[in-house]
PDB file of N, CA and C in Angstrom:
ATOM      1  N   UNK A   1     -80.020  33.765  64.025  1.00  0.00           N
ATOM      2  CA  UNK A   1     -79.469  34.743  63.229  1.00  0.00           C
ATOM      3  C   UNK A   1     -78.879  34.273  62.721  1.00  0.00           C
ATOM      4  N   UNK A   2     -78.782  35.309  61.246  1.00  0.00           N
ATOM      5  CA  UNK A   2     -77.802  35.153  60.024  1.00  0.00           C
ATOM      6  C   UNK A   2     -76.605  35.614  60.449  1.00  0.00           C
ATOM      7  N   UNK A   3     -75.444  34.885  59.737  1.00  0.00           N
ATOM      8  CA  UNK A   3     -73.813  35.242  59.645  1.00  0.00           C
ATOM      9  C   UNK A   3     -73.668  36.649  58.854  1.00  0.00           C
ATOM     10  N   UNK A   4     -72.655  37.555  58.883  1.00  0.00           N
ATOM     11  CA  UNK A   4     -72.437  38.494  58.373  1.00  0.00           C
ATOM     12  C   UNK A   4     -70.964  38.596  57.873  1.00  0.00           C
ATOM     13  N   UNK A   5     -70.692  38.337  56.484  1.00  0.00           N
ATOM     14  CA  UNK A   5     -69.198  38.090  56.480  1.00  0.00           C
ATOM     15  C   UNK A   5     -69.056  39.656  55.257  1.00  0.00           C
ATOM     16  N   UNK A   6     -67.721  39.924  56.107  1.00  0.00           N
ATOM     17  CA  UNK A   6     -67.046  40.839  55.497  1.00  0.00           C
ATOM     18  C   UNK A   6     -65.829  40.978  54.012  1.00  0.00           C
ATOM     19  N   UNK A   7     -66.000  41.227  53.166  1.00  0.00           N
ATOM     20  CA  UNK A   7     -64.877  41.258  52.539  1.00  0.00           C
ATOM     21  C   UNK A   7     -64.597  41.804  52.328  1.00  0.00           C
ATOM     22  N   UNK A   8     -63.293  42.018  52.833  1.00  0.00           N
ATOM     23  CA  UNK A   8     -62.538  43.193  53.041  1.00  0.00           C
ATOM     24  C   UNK A   8     -61.767  43.236  51.592  1.00  0.00           C
ATOM     25  N   UNK A   9     -61.792  44.018  50.943  1.00  0.00           N
ATOM     26  CA  UNK A   9     -60.411  43.677  49.130  1.00  0.00           C
ATOM     27  C   UNK A   9     -59.232  43.986  50.213  1.00  0.00           C
ATOM     28  N   UNK A  10     -57.930  43.994  49.450  1.00  0.00           N
ATOM     29  CA  UNK A  10     -56.815  44.024  50.017  1.00  0.00           C
ATOM     30  C   UNK A  10     -56.221  45.669  50.019  1.00  0.00           C
ATOM     31  N   UNK A  11     -55.520  45.882  51.619  1.00  0.00           N
ATOM     32  CA  UNK A  11     -54.960  47.701  51.923  1.00  0.00           C
ATOM     33  C   UNK A  11     -54.591  47.594  50.175  1.00  0.00           C
ATOM     34  N   UNK A  12     -54.241  49.324  49.680  1.00  0.00           N
ATOM     35  CA  UNK A  12     -53.901  49.965  48.462  1.00  0.00           C
ATOM     36  C   UNK A  12     -52.296  50.037  49.446  1.00  0.00           C
ATOM     37  N   UNK A  13     -51.964  49.892  50.249  1.00  0.00           N
ATOM     38  CA  UNK A  13     -50.738  50.197  50.831  1.00  0.00           C
ATOM     39  C   UNK A  13     -49.784  48.925  50.357  1.00  0.00           C
ATOM     40  N   UNK A  14     -50.582  47.571  50.481  1.00  0.00           N
ATOM     41  CA  UNK A  14     -49.710  46.278  49.689  1.00  0.00           C
ATOM     42  C   UNK A  14     -49.287  46.861  47.804  1.00  0.00           C
ATOM     43  N   UNK A  15     -47.893  46.258  48.166  1.00  0.00           N
ATOM     44  CA  UNK A  15     -47.525  46.846  46.734  1.00  0.00           C
ATOM     45  C   UNK A  15     -47.199  46.099  46.618  1.00  0.00           C
ATOM     46  N   UNK A  16     -47.210  44.711  45.088  1.00  0.00           N
ATOM     47  CA  UNK A  16     -46.132  44.420  44.195  1.00  0.00           C
ATOM     48  C   UNK A  16     -45.613  43.630  44.751  1.00  0.00           C
ATOM     49  N   UNK A  17     -45.089  42.221  44.073  1.00  0.00           N
ATOM     50  CA  UNK A  17     -43.775  41.883  45.018  1.00  0.00           C
ATOM     51  C   UNK A  17     -42.429  42.461  44.331  1.00  0.00           C
ATOM     52  N   UNK A  18     -41.511  42.751  44.949  1.00  0.00           N
ATOM     53  CA  UNK A  18     -40.624  43.357  44.237  1.00  0.00           C
ATOM     54  C   UNK A  18     -39.762  42.667  43.340  1.00  0.00           C
ATOM     55  N   UNK A  19     -39.540  43.112  42.588  1.00  0.00           N
ATOM     56  CA  UNK A  19     -39.073  42.293  41.222  1.00  0.00           C
ATOM     57  C   UNK A  19     -37.257  42.897  40.915  1.00  0.00           C
ATOM     58  N   UNK A  20     -36.802  41.642  40.037  1.00  0.00           N
ATOM     59  CA  UNK A  20     -35.327  42.170  39.618  1.00  0.00           C
ATOM     60  C   UNK A  20     -35.239  43.063  38.542  1.00  0.00           C
ATOM     61  N   UNK A  21     -34.795  44.637  38.893  1.00  0.00           N
ATOM     62  CA  UNK A  21     -34.292  45.472  37.715  1.00  0.00           C
ATOM     63  C   UNK A  21     -33.086  45.345  37.866  1.00  0.00           C
ATOM     64  N   UNK A  22     -33.767  46.050  36.537  1.00  0.00           N
ATOM     65  CA  UNK A  22     -31.954  46.371  35.546  1.00  0.00           C
ATOM     66  C   UNK A  22     -31.592  47.159  35.428  1.00  0.00           C
ATOM     67  N   UNK A  23     -30.347  47.428  34.250  1.00  0.00           N
ATOM     68  CA  UNK A  23     -30.579  48.645  33.187  1.00  0.00           C
ATOM     69  C   UNK A  23     -29.120  48.379  32.499  1.00  0.00           C
ATOM     70  N   UNK A  24     -29.711  48.515  31.449  1.00  0.00           N
ATOM     71  CA  UNK A  24     -29.261  48.494  30.092  1.00  0.00           C
ATOM     72  C   UNK A  24     -29.133  49.064  29.123  1.00  0.00           C
ATOM     73  N   UNK A  25     -28.715  48.972  27.838  1.00  0.00           N
ATOM     74  CA  UNK A  25     -28.633  49.851  26.767  1.00  0.00           C
ATOM     75  C   UNK A  25     -29.467  49.364  25.343  1.00  0.00           C
ATOM     76  N   UNK A  26     -30.166  49.994  24.913  1.00  0.00           N
ATOM     77  CA  UNK A  26     -30.748  49.049  24.070  1.00  0.00           C
ATOM     78  C   UNK A  26     -30.086  49.659  22.465  1.00  0.00           C
ATOM     79  N   UNK A  27     -30.147  47.800  22.097  1.00  0.00           N
ATOM     80  CA  UNK A  27     -29.269  47.917  20.773  1.00  0.00           C
ATOM     81  C   UNK A  27     -29.894  47.296  19.168  1.00  0.00           C
ATOM     82  N   UNK A  28     -31.868  47.255  19.234  1.00  0.00           N
ATOM     83  CA  UNK A  28     -32.150  46.554  18.708  1.00  0.00           C
ATOM     84  C   UNK A  28     -33.617  47.315  19.012  1.00  0.00           C
ATOM     85  N   UNK A  29     -34.092  47.568  17.430  1.00  0.00           N
ATOM     86  CA  UNK A  29     -35.107  48.434  17.596  1.00  0.00           C
ATOM     87  C   UNK A  29     -36.077  48.445  16.547  1.00  0.00           C
ATOM     88  N   UNK A  30     -35.809  47.045  15.845  1.00  0.00           N
ATOM     89  CA  UNK A  30     -36.774  46.736  14.275  1.00  0.00           C
ATOM     90  C   UNK A  30     -38.519  46.282  14.566  1.00  0.00           C
ATOM     91  N   UNK A  31     -37.911  45.768  15.423  1.00  0.00           N
ATOM     92  CA  UNK A  31     -39.160  45.528  16.422  1.00  0.00           C
ATOM     93  C   UNK A  31     -39.972  46.107  16.573  1.00  0.00           C
ATOM     94  N   UNK A  32     -41.816  45.855  16.868  1.00  0.00           N
ATOM     95  CA  UNK A  32     -43.208  46.688  16.805  1.00  0.00           C
ATOM     96  C   UNK A  32     -43.259  46.443  18.935  1.00  0.00           C
ATOM     97  N   UNK A  33     -43.587  46.827  19.512  1.00  0.00           N
ATOM     98  CA  UNK A  33     -43.153  46.747  21.113  1.00  0.00           C
ATOM     99  C   UNK A  33     -42.585  45.459  21.205  1.00  0.00           C
ATOM    100  N   UNK A  34     -41.291  45.238  21.056  1.00  0.00           N
ATOM    101  CA  UNK A  34     -39.882  44.926  21.097  1.00  0.00           C
ATOM    102  C   UNK A  34     -38.444  45.539  21.411  1.00  0.00           C
ATOM    103  N   UNK A  35     -38.528  45.006  22.378  1.00  0.00           N
ATOM    104  CA  UNK A  35     -36.837  45.678  22.499  1.00  0.00           C
ATOM    105  C   UNK A  35     -35.652  44.796  22.448  1.00  0.00           C
ATOM    106  N   UNK A  36     -34.154  45.005  21.948  1.00  0.00           N
ATOM    107  CA  UNK A  36     -33.342  44.187  23.013  1.00  0.00           C
ATOM    108  C   UNK A  36     -32.524  44.814  23.325  1.00  0.00           C
ATOM    109  N   UNK A  37     -32.173  44.238  24.681  1.00  0.00           N
ATOM    110  CA  UNK A  37     -31.535  45.243  25.731  1.00  0.00           C
ATOM    111  C   UNK A  37     -30.342  44.192  26.129  1.00  0.00           C
ATOM    112  N   UNK A  38     -28.900  45.229  25.868  1.00  0.00           N
ATOM    113  CA  UNK A  38     -27.369  44.753  26.398  1.00  0.00           C
ATOM    114  C   UNK A  38     -27.409  44.695  28.201  1.00  0.00           C
ATOM    115  N   UNK A  39     -27.637  43.869  28.615  1.00  0.00           N
ATOM    116  CA  UNK A  39     -27.121  44.907  30.547  1.00  0.00           C
ATOM    117  C   UNK A  39     -25.414  43.988  30.662  1.00  0.00           C
ATOM    118  N   UNK A  40     -24.470  44.321  30.966  1.00  0.00           N
ATOM    119  CA  UNK A  40     -23.483  44.631  30.810  1.00  0.00           C
ATOM    120  C   UNK A  40     -23.122  44.246  32.768  1.00  0.00           C
ATOM    121  N   UNK A  41     -21.570  43.140  31.846  1.00  0.00           N
ATOM    122  CA  UNK A  41     -21.719  43.296  33.825  1.00  0.00           C
ATOM    123  C   UNK A  41     -19.357  42.594  33.879  1.00  0.00           C
ATOM    124  N   UNK A  42     -19.358  43.103  34.813  1.00  0.00           N
ATOM    125  CA  UNK A  42     -18.432  42.416  34.977  1.00  0.00           C
ATOM    126  C   UNK A  42     -17.208  41.379  35.850  1.00  0.00           C
ATOM    127  N   UNK A  43     -16.881  40.243  35.233  1.00  0.00           N
ATOM    128  CA  UNK A  43     -17.089  39.324  36.163  1.00  0.00           C
ATOM    129  C   UNK A  43     -15.896  38.916  36.389  1.00  0.00           C
ATOM    130  N   UNK A  44     -14.876  38.314  37.691  1.00  0.00           N
ATOM    131  CA  UNK A  44     -14.093  37.876  37.733  1.00  0.00           C
ATOM    132  C   UNK A  44     -13.191  36.952  37.366  1.00  0.00           C
ATOM    133  N   UNK A  45     -12.515  37.172  36.534  1.00  0.00           N
ATOM    134  CA  UNK A  45     -11.963  35.338  35.630  1.00  0.00           C
ATOM    135  C   UNK A  45     -11.403  34.669  37.297  1.00  0.00           C
ATOM    136  N   UNK A  46     -12.308  33.341  37.306  1.00  0.00           N
ATOM    137  CA  UNK A  46     -11.571  32.352  38.339  1.00  0.00           C
ATOM    138  C   UNK A  46     -10.132  32.327  38.718  1.00  0.00           C
ATOM    139  N   UNK A  47      -9.333  32.085  37.988  1.00  0.00           N
ATOM    140  CA  UNK A  47      -7.688  31.810  37.549  1.00  0.00           C
ATOM    141  C   UNK A  47      -6.800  32.916  37.431  1.00  0.00           C
ATOM    142  N   UNK A  48      -7.327  34.197  36.400  1.00  0.00           N
ATOM    143  CA  UNK A  48      -6.414  35.666  36.447  1.00  0.00           C
ATOM    144  C   UNK A  48      -6.722  36.953  37.601  1.00  0.00           C
ATOM    145  N   UNK A  49      -7.287  36.569  38.047  1.00  0.00           N
ATOM    146  CA  UNK A  49      -8.303  37.573  38.926  1.00  0.00           C
ATOM    147  C   UNK A  49      -8.481  38.800  38.142  1.00  0.00           C
ATOM    148  N   UNK A  50      -8.084  38.796  37.193  1.00  0.00           N
ATOM    149  CA  UNK A  50      -8.687  39.947  35.733  1.00  0.00           C
ATOM    150  C   UNK A  50     -10.220  40.163  36.056  1.00  0.00           C
ATOM    151  N   UNK A  51     -11.190  41.063  35.654  1.00  0.00           N
ATOM    152  CA  UNK A  51     -12.692  41.663  35.333  1.00  0.00           C
ATOM    153  C   UNK A  51     -12.421  42.005  34.091  1.00  0.00           C
ATOM    154  N   UNK A  52     -13.550  40.658  33.390  1.00  0.00           N
ATOM    155  CA  UNK A  52     -13.574  40.595  32.245  1.00  0.00           C
ATOM    156  C   UNK A  52     -15.086  41.374  31.607  1.00  0.00           C
ATOM    157  N   UNK A  53     -15.608  42.244  30.719  1.00  0.00           N
ATOM    158  CA  UNK A  53     -16.977  42.416  30.082  1.00  0.00           C
ATOM    159  C   UNK A  53     -17.498  41.137  30.331  1.00  0.00           C
ATOM    160  N   UNK A  54     -18.897  40.823  30.020  1.00  0.00           N
ATOM    161  CA  UNK A  54     -20.062  39.915  29.793  1.00  0.00           C
ATOM    162  C   UNK A  54     -21.003  40.883  29.814  1.00  0.00           C
ATOM    163  N   UNK A  55     -22.175  40.601  29.110  1.00  0.00           N
ATOM    164  CA  UNK A  55     -23.217  40.599  28.391  1.00  0.00           C
ATOM    165  C   UNK A  55     -24.086  39.723  28.553  1.00  0.00           C
ATOM    166  N   UNK A  56     -25.812  40.293  29.266  1.00  0.00           N
ATOM    167  CA  UNK A  56     -26.556  39.739  28.791  1.00  0.00           C
ATOM    168  C   UNK A  56     -28.033  39.614  28.215  1.00  0.00           C
ATOM    169  N   UNK A  57     -28.430  39.634  26.722  1.00  0.00           N
ATOM    170  CA  UNK A  57     -29.733  40.137  25.903  1.00  0.00           C
ATOM    171  C   UNK A  57     -30.799  40.198  26.692  1.00  0.00           C
ATOM    172  N   UNK A  58     -31.494  40.173  26.814  1.00  0.00           N
ATOM    173  CA  UNK A  58     -33.250  40.393  27.240  1.00  0.00           C
ATOM    174  C   UNK A  58     -33.898  41.283  25.808  1.00  0.00           C
ATOM    175  N   UNK A  59     -35.067  40.611  25.833  1.00  0.00           N
ATOM    176  CA  UNK A  59     -35.884  41.330  24.816  1.00  0.00           C
ATOM    177  C   UNK A  59     -37.188  41.387  25.777  1.00  0.00           C
ATOM    178  N   UNK A  60     -37.316  43.043  25.362  1.00  0.00           N
ATOM    179  CA  UNK A  60     -38.066  43.733  26.232  1.00  0.00           C
ATOM    180  C   UNK A  60     -39.256  43.754  25.883  1.00  0.00           C
ATOM    181  N   UNK A  61     -40.060  44.211  26.456  1.00  0.00           N
ATOM    182  CA  UNK A  61     -41.807  44.507  26.208  1.00  0.00           C
ATOM    183  C   UNK A  61     -41.646  46.315  26.412  1.00  0.00           C
ATOM    184  N   UNK A  62     -41.127  46.621  24.797  1.00  0.00           N
ATOM    185  CA  UNK A  62     -41.813  48.193  26.021  1.00  0.00           C
ATOM    186  C   UNK A  62     -42.827  48.525  24.289  1.00  0.00           C
ATOM    187  N   UNK A  63     -44.376  48.553  25.352  1.00  0.00           N
ATOM    188  CA  UNK A  63     -45.552  49.428  24.985  1.00  0.00           C
ATOM    189  C   UNK A  63     -46.043  50.460  23.814  1.00  0.00           C
ATOM    190  N   UNK A  64     -45.328  51.582  24.219  1.00  0.00           N
ATOM    191  CA  UNK A  64     -45.926  53.196  23.632  1.00  0.00           C
ATOM    192  C   UNK A  64     -44.541  53.369  22.813  1.00  0.00           C
ATOM    193  N   UNK A  65     -43.747  51.990  22.248  1.00  0.00           N
ATOM    194  CA  UNK A  65     -42.328  52.431  21.084  1.00  0.00           C
ATOM    195  C   UNK A  65     -41.702  53.555  21.085  1.00  0.00           C
ATOM    196  N   UNK A  66     -41.367  53.789  23.446  1.00  0.00           N
ATOM    197  CA  UNK A  66     -40.290  54.842  23.214  1.00  0.00           C
ATOM    198  C   UNK A  66     -39.054  55.127  23.374  1.00  0.00           C
ATOM    199  N   UNK A  67     -38.302  53.539  23.560  1.00  0.00           N
ATOM    200  CA  UNK A  67     -37.480  53.588  23.562  1.00  0.00           C
ATOM    201  C   UNK A  67     -36.178  52.994  22.121  1.00  0.00           C
ATOM    202  N   UNK A  68     -35.655  53.981  21.814  1.00  0.00           N
ATOM    203  CA  UNK A  68     -34.893  53.396  20.804  1.00  0.00           C
ATOM    204  C   UNK A  68     -33.341  52.899  20.742  1.00  0.00           C
ATOM    205  N   UNK A  69     -32.840  52.611  19.332  1.00  0.00           N
ATOM    206  CA  UNK A  69     -31.556  52.499  19.572  1.00  0.00           C
ATOM    207  C   UNK A  69     -30.062  53.928  20.864  1.00  0.00           C
ATOM    208  N   UNK A  70     -29.651  52.881  21.529  1.00  0.00           N
ATOM    209  CA  UNK A  70     -28.162  53.641  22.417  1.00  0.00           C
ATOM    210  C   UNK A  70     -28.970  54.538  23.758  1.00  0.00           C
ATOM    211  N   UNK A  71     -30.400  54.278  24.033  1.00  0.00           N
ATOM    212  CA  UNK A  71     -31.219  54.378  25.176  1.00  0.00           C
ATOM    213  C   UNK A  71     -30.747  53.617  26.017  1.00  0.00           C
ATOM    214  N   UNK A  72     -30.553  54.259  27.064  1.00  0.00           N
ATOM    215  CA  UNK A  72     -30.286  53.775  28.634  1.00  0.00           C
ATOM    216  C   UNK A  72     -31.672  53.447  29.204  1.00  0.00           C
ATOM    217  N   UNK A  73     -31.902  51.975  29.126  1.00  0.00           N
ATOM    218  CA  UNK A  73     -33.136  52.033  29.680  1.00  0.00           C
ATOM    219  C   UNK A  73     -33.081  50.889  30.972  1.00  0.00           C
ATOM    220  N   UNK A  74     -34.199  51.099  31.896  1.00  0.00           N
ATOM    221  CA  UNK A  74     -34.642  50.486  33.168  1.00  0.00           C
ATOM    222  C   UNK A  74     -36.058  49.450  33.013  1.00  0.00           C
ATOM    223  N   UNK A  75     -34.992  48.268  33.238  1.00  0.00           N
ATOM    224  CA  UNK A  75     -36.108  46.859  32.632  1.00  0.00           C
ATOM    225  C   UNK A  75     -36.546  46.097  33.811  1.00  0.00           C
ATOM    226  N   UNK A  76     -37.798  45.413  34.529  1.00  0.00           N
ATOM    227  CA  UNK A  76     -38.179  44.788  35.023  1.00  0.00           C
ATOM    228  C   UNK A  76     -38.744  43.505  34.531  1.00  0.00           C
ATOM    229  N   UNK A  77     -37.972  42.861  35.885  1.00  0.00           N
ATOM    230  CA  UNK A  77     -38.693  40.957  35.422  1.00  0.00           C
ATOM    231  C   UNK A  77     -40.132  40.818  35.485  1.00  0.00           C
ATOM    232  N   UNK A  78     -40.816  40.293  34.837  1.00  0.00           N
ATOM    233  CA  UNK A  78     -42.318  40.127  34.224  1.00  0.00           C
ATOM    234  C   UNK A  78     -42.501  38.212  34.230  1.00  0.00           C
ATOM    235  N   UNK A  79     -43.581  38.283  33.627  1.00  0.00           N
ATOM    236  CA  UNK A  79     -43.804  36.893  33.226  1.00  0.00           C
ATOM    237  C   UNK A  79     -43.714  36.601  32.384  1.00  0.00           C
ATOM    238  N   UNK A  80     -43.253  35.836  31.277  1.00  0.00           N
ATOM    239  CA  UNK A  80     -43.399  35.698  30.138  1.00  0.00           C
ATOM    240  C   UNK A  80     -44.766  35.875  28.770  1.00  0.00           C
ATOM    241  N   UNK A  81     -44.199  36.889  28.173  1.00  0.00           N
ATOM    242  CA  UNK A  81     -45.311  37.387  27.503  1.00  0.00           C
ATOM    243  C   UNK A  81     -44.232  36.503  26.170  1.00  0.00           C
ATOM    244  N   UNK A  82     -44.073  36.136  25.518  1.00  0.00           N
ATOM    245  CA  UNK A  82     -43.800  35.164  24.754  1.00  0.00           C
ATOM    246  C   UNK A  82     -42.448  34.572  24.437  1.00  0.00           C
ATOM    247  N   UNK A  83     -42.295  33.804  23.716  1.00  0.00           N
ATOM    248  CA  UNK A  83     -41.322  32.486  24.140  1.00  0.00           C
ATOM    249  C   UNK A  83     -40.063  34.143  24.529  1.00  0.00           C
ATOM    250  N   UNK A  84     -39.238  34.630  24.346  1.00  0.00           N
ATOM    251  CA  UNK A  84     -38.164  35.213  24.664  1.00  0.00           C
ATOM    252  C   UNK A  84     -38.841  36.597  25.578  1.00  0.00           C
ATOM    253  N   UNK A  85     -39.673  37.492  25.706  1.00  0.00           N
ATOM    254  CA  UNK A  85     -39.789  38.149  26.463  1.00  0.00           C
ATOM    255  C   UNK A  85     -39.923  37.849  27.746  1.00  0.00           C
ATOM    256  N   UNK A  86     -39.692  38.053  28.911  1.00  0.00           N
ATOM    257  CA  UNK A  86     -39.559  38.525  30.123  1.00  0.00           C
ATOM    258  C   UNK A  86     -39.058  39.604  30.321  1.00  0.00           C
ATOM    259  N   UNK A  87     -39.347  40.497  30.267  1.00  0.00           N
ATOM    260  CA  UNK A  87     -38.719  41.851  30.609  1.00  0.00           C
ATOM    261  C   UNK A  87     -39.752  42.519  30.045  1.00  0.00           C
ATOM    262  N   UNK A  88     -39.820  44.015  30.596  1.00  0.00           N
ATOM    263  CA  UNK A  88     -40.594  44.659  30.641  1.00  0.00           C
ATOM    264  C   UNK A  88     -40.212  45.820  30.653  1.00  0.00           C
ATOM    265  N   UNK A  89     -39.676  47.215  30.237  1.00  0.00           N
ATOM    266  CA  UNK A  89     -39.617  48.068  30.058  1.00  0.00           C
ATOM    267  C   UNK A  89     -40.328  49.464  31.322  1.00  0.00           C
ATOM    268  N   UNK A  90     -39.402  50.050  32.724  1.00  0.00           N
ATOM    269  CA  UNK A  90     -40.126  50.723  33.766  1.00  0.00           C
ATOM    270  C   UNK A  90     -39.476  52.212  33.136  1.00  0.00           C
ATOM    271  N   UNK A  91     -38.376  52.059  32.009  1.00  0.00           N
ATOM    272  CA  UNK A  91     -38.377  53.759  32.030  1.00  0.00           C
ATOM    273  C   UNK A  91     -36.989  54.129  31.261  1.00  0.00           C
ATOM    274  N   UNK A  92     -37.199  55.011  30.516  1.00  0.00           N
ATOM    275  CA  UNK A  92     -35.773  55.492  29.683  1.00  0.00           C
ATOM    276  C   UNK A  92     -35.065  57.017  30.914  1.00  0.00           C
ATOM    277  N   UNK A  93     -33.753  55.947  30.700  1.00  0.00           N
ATOM    278  CA  UNK A  93     -33.018  57.129  31.757  1.00  0.00           C
ATOM    279  C   UNK A  93     -32.671  57.878  31.652  1.00  0.00           C
ATOM    280  N   UNK A  94     -31.923  57.536  30.186  1.00  0.00           N
ATOM    281  CA  UNK A  94     -31.418  58.726  29.091  1.00  0.00           C
ATOM    282  C   UNK A  94     -31.960  57.998  28.024  1.00  0.00           C
ATOM    283  N   UNK A  95     -31.978  59.222  26.515  1.00  0.00           N
ATOM    284  CA  UNK A  95     -31.774  59.040  25.200  1.00  0.00           C
ATOM    285  C   UNK A  95     -30.539  58.792  24.869  1.00  0.00           C
ATOM    286  N   UNK A  96     -30.294  58.684  23.896  1.00  0.00           N
ATOM    287  CA  UNK A  96     -29.548  58.634  22.718  1.00  0.00           C
ATOM    288  C   UNK A  96     -28.638  59.398  21.873  1.00  0.00           C
ATOM    289  N   UNK A  97     -27.737  59.646  21.685  1.00  0.00           N
ATOM    290  CA  UNK A  97     -27.403  61.456  21.188  1.00  0.00           C
ATOM    291  C   UNK A  97     -28.029  60.821  19.606  1.00  0.00           C
ATOM    292  N   UNK A  98     -28.511  61.842  19.149  1.00  0.00           N
ATOM    293  CA  UNK A  98     -28.553  61.699  17.597  1.00  0.00           C
ATOM    294  C   UNK A  98     -27.653  62.716  16.767  1.00  0.00           C
ATOM    295  N   UNK A  99     -27.535  62.359  15.799  1.00  0.00           N
ATOM    296  CA  UNK A  99     -26.871  62.402  15.127  1.00  0.00           C
ATOM    297  C   UNK A  99     -27.163  63.093  13.813  1.00  0.00           C
ATOM    298  N   UNK A 100     -26.851  64.520  13.226  1.00  0.00           N
ATOM    299  CA  UNK A 100     -28.079  64.635  12.203  1.00  0.00           C
ATOM    300  C   UNK A 100     -26.873  65.602  11.221  1.00  0.00           C
TER     301      UNK A 100
END
């Protein structure tokens, strides 16, 4: 008698691995589908104990070019898309105020 094996696909409830997400502000939007985002953080100075502002610059992939300078965005870590881009846009949290 021949054996039958069933290859069941993975269940739809199984989610992607949780990846690191950050919130930052778009500082440059001159490139097509690429944005530069500054992520601010506070670091305690080792000697003086004062909190100092530091920033991390992330290049993100924005497929629909929906974010612009001054927007607050949520980004998620992903595989390398280019030499500098290792983040992708999740959502635009708030738009920058437009000046007329």
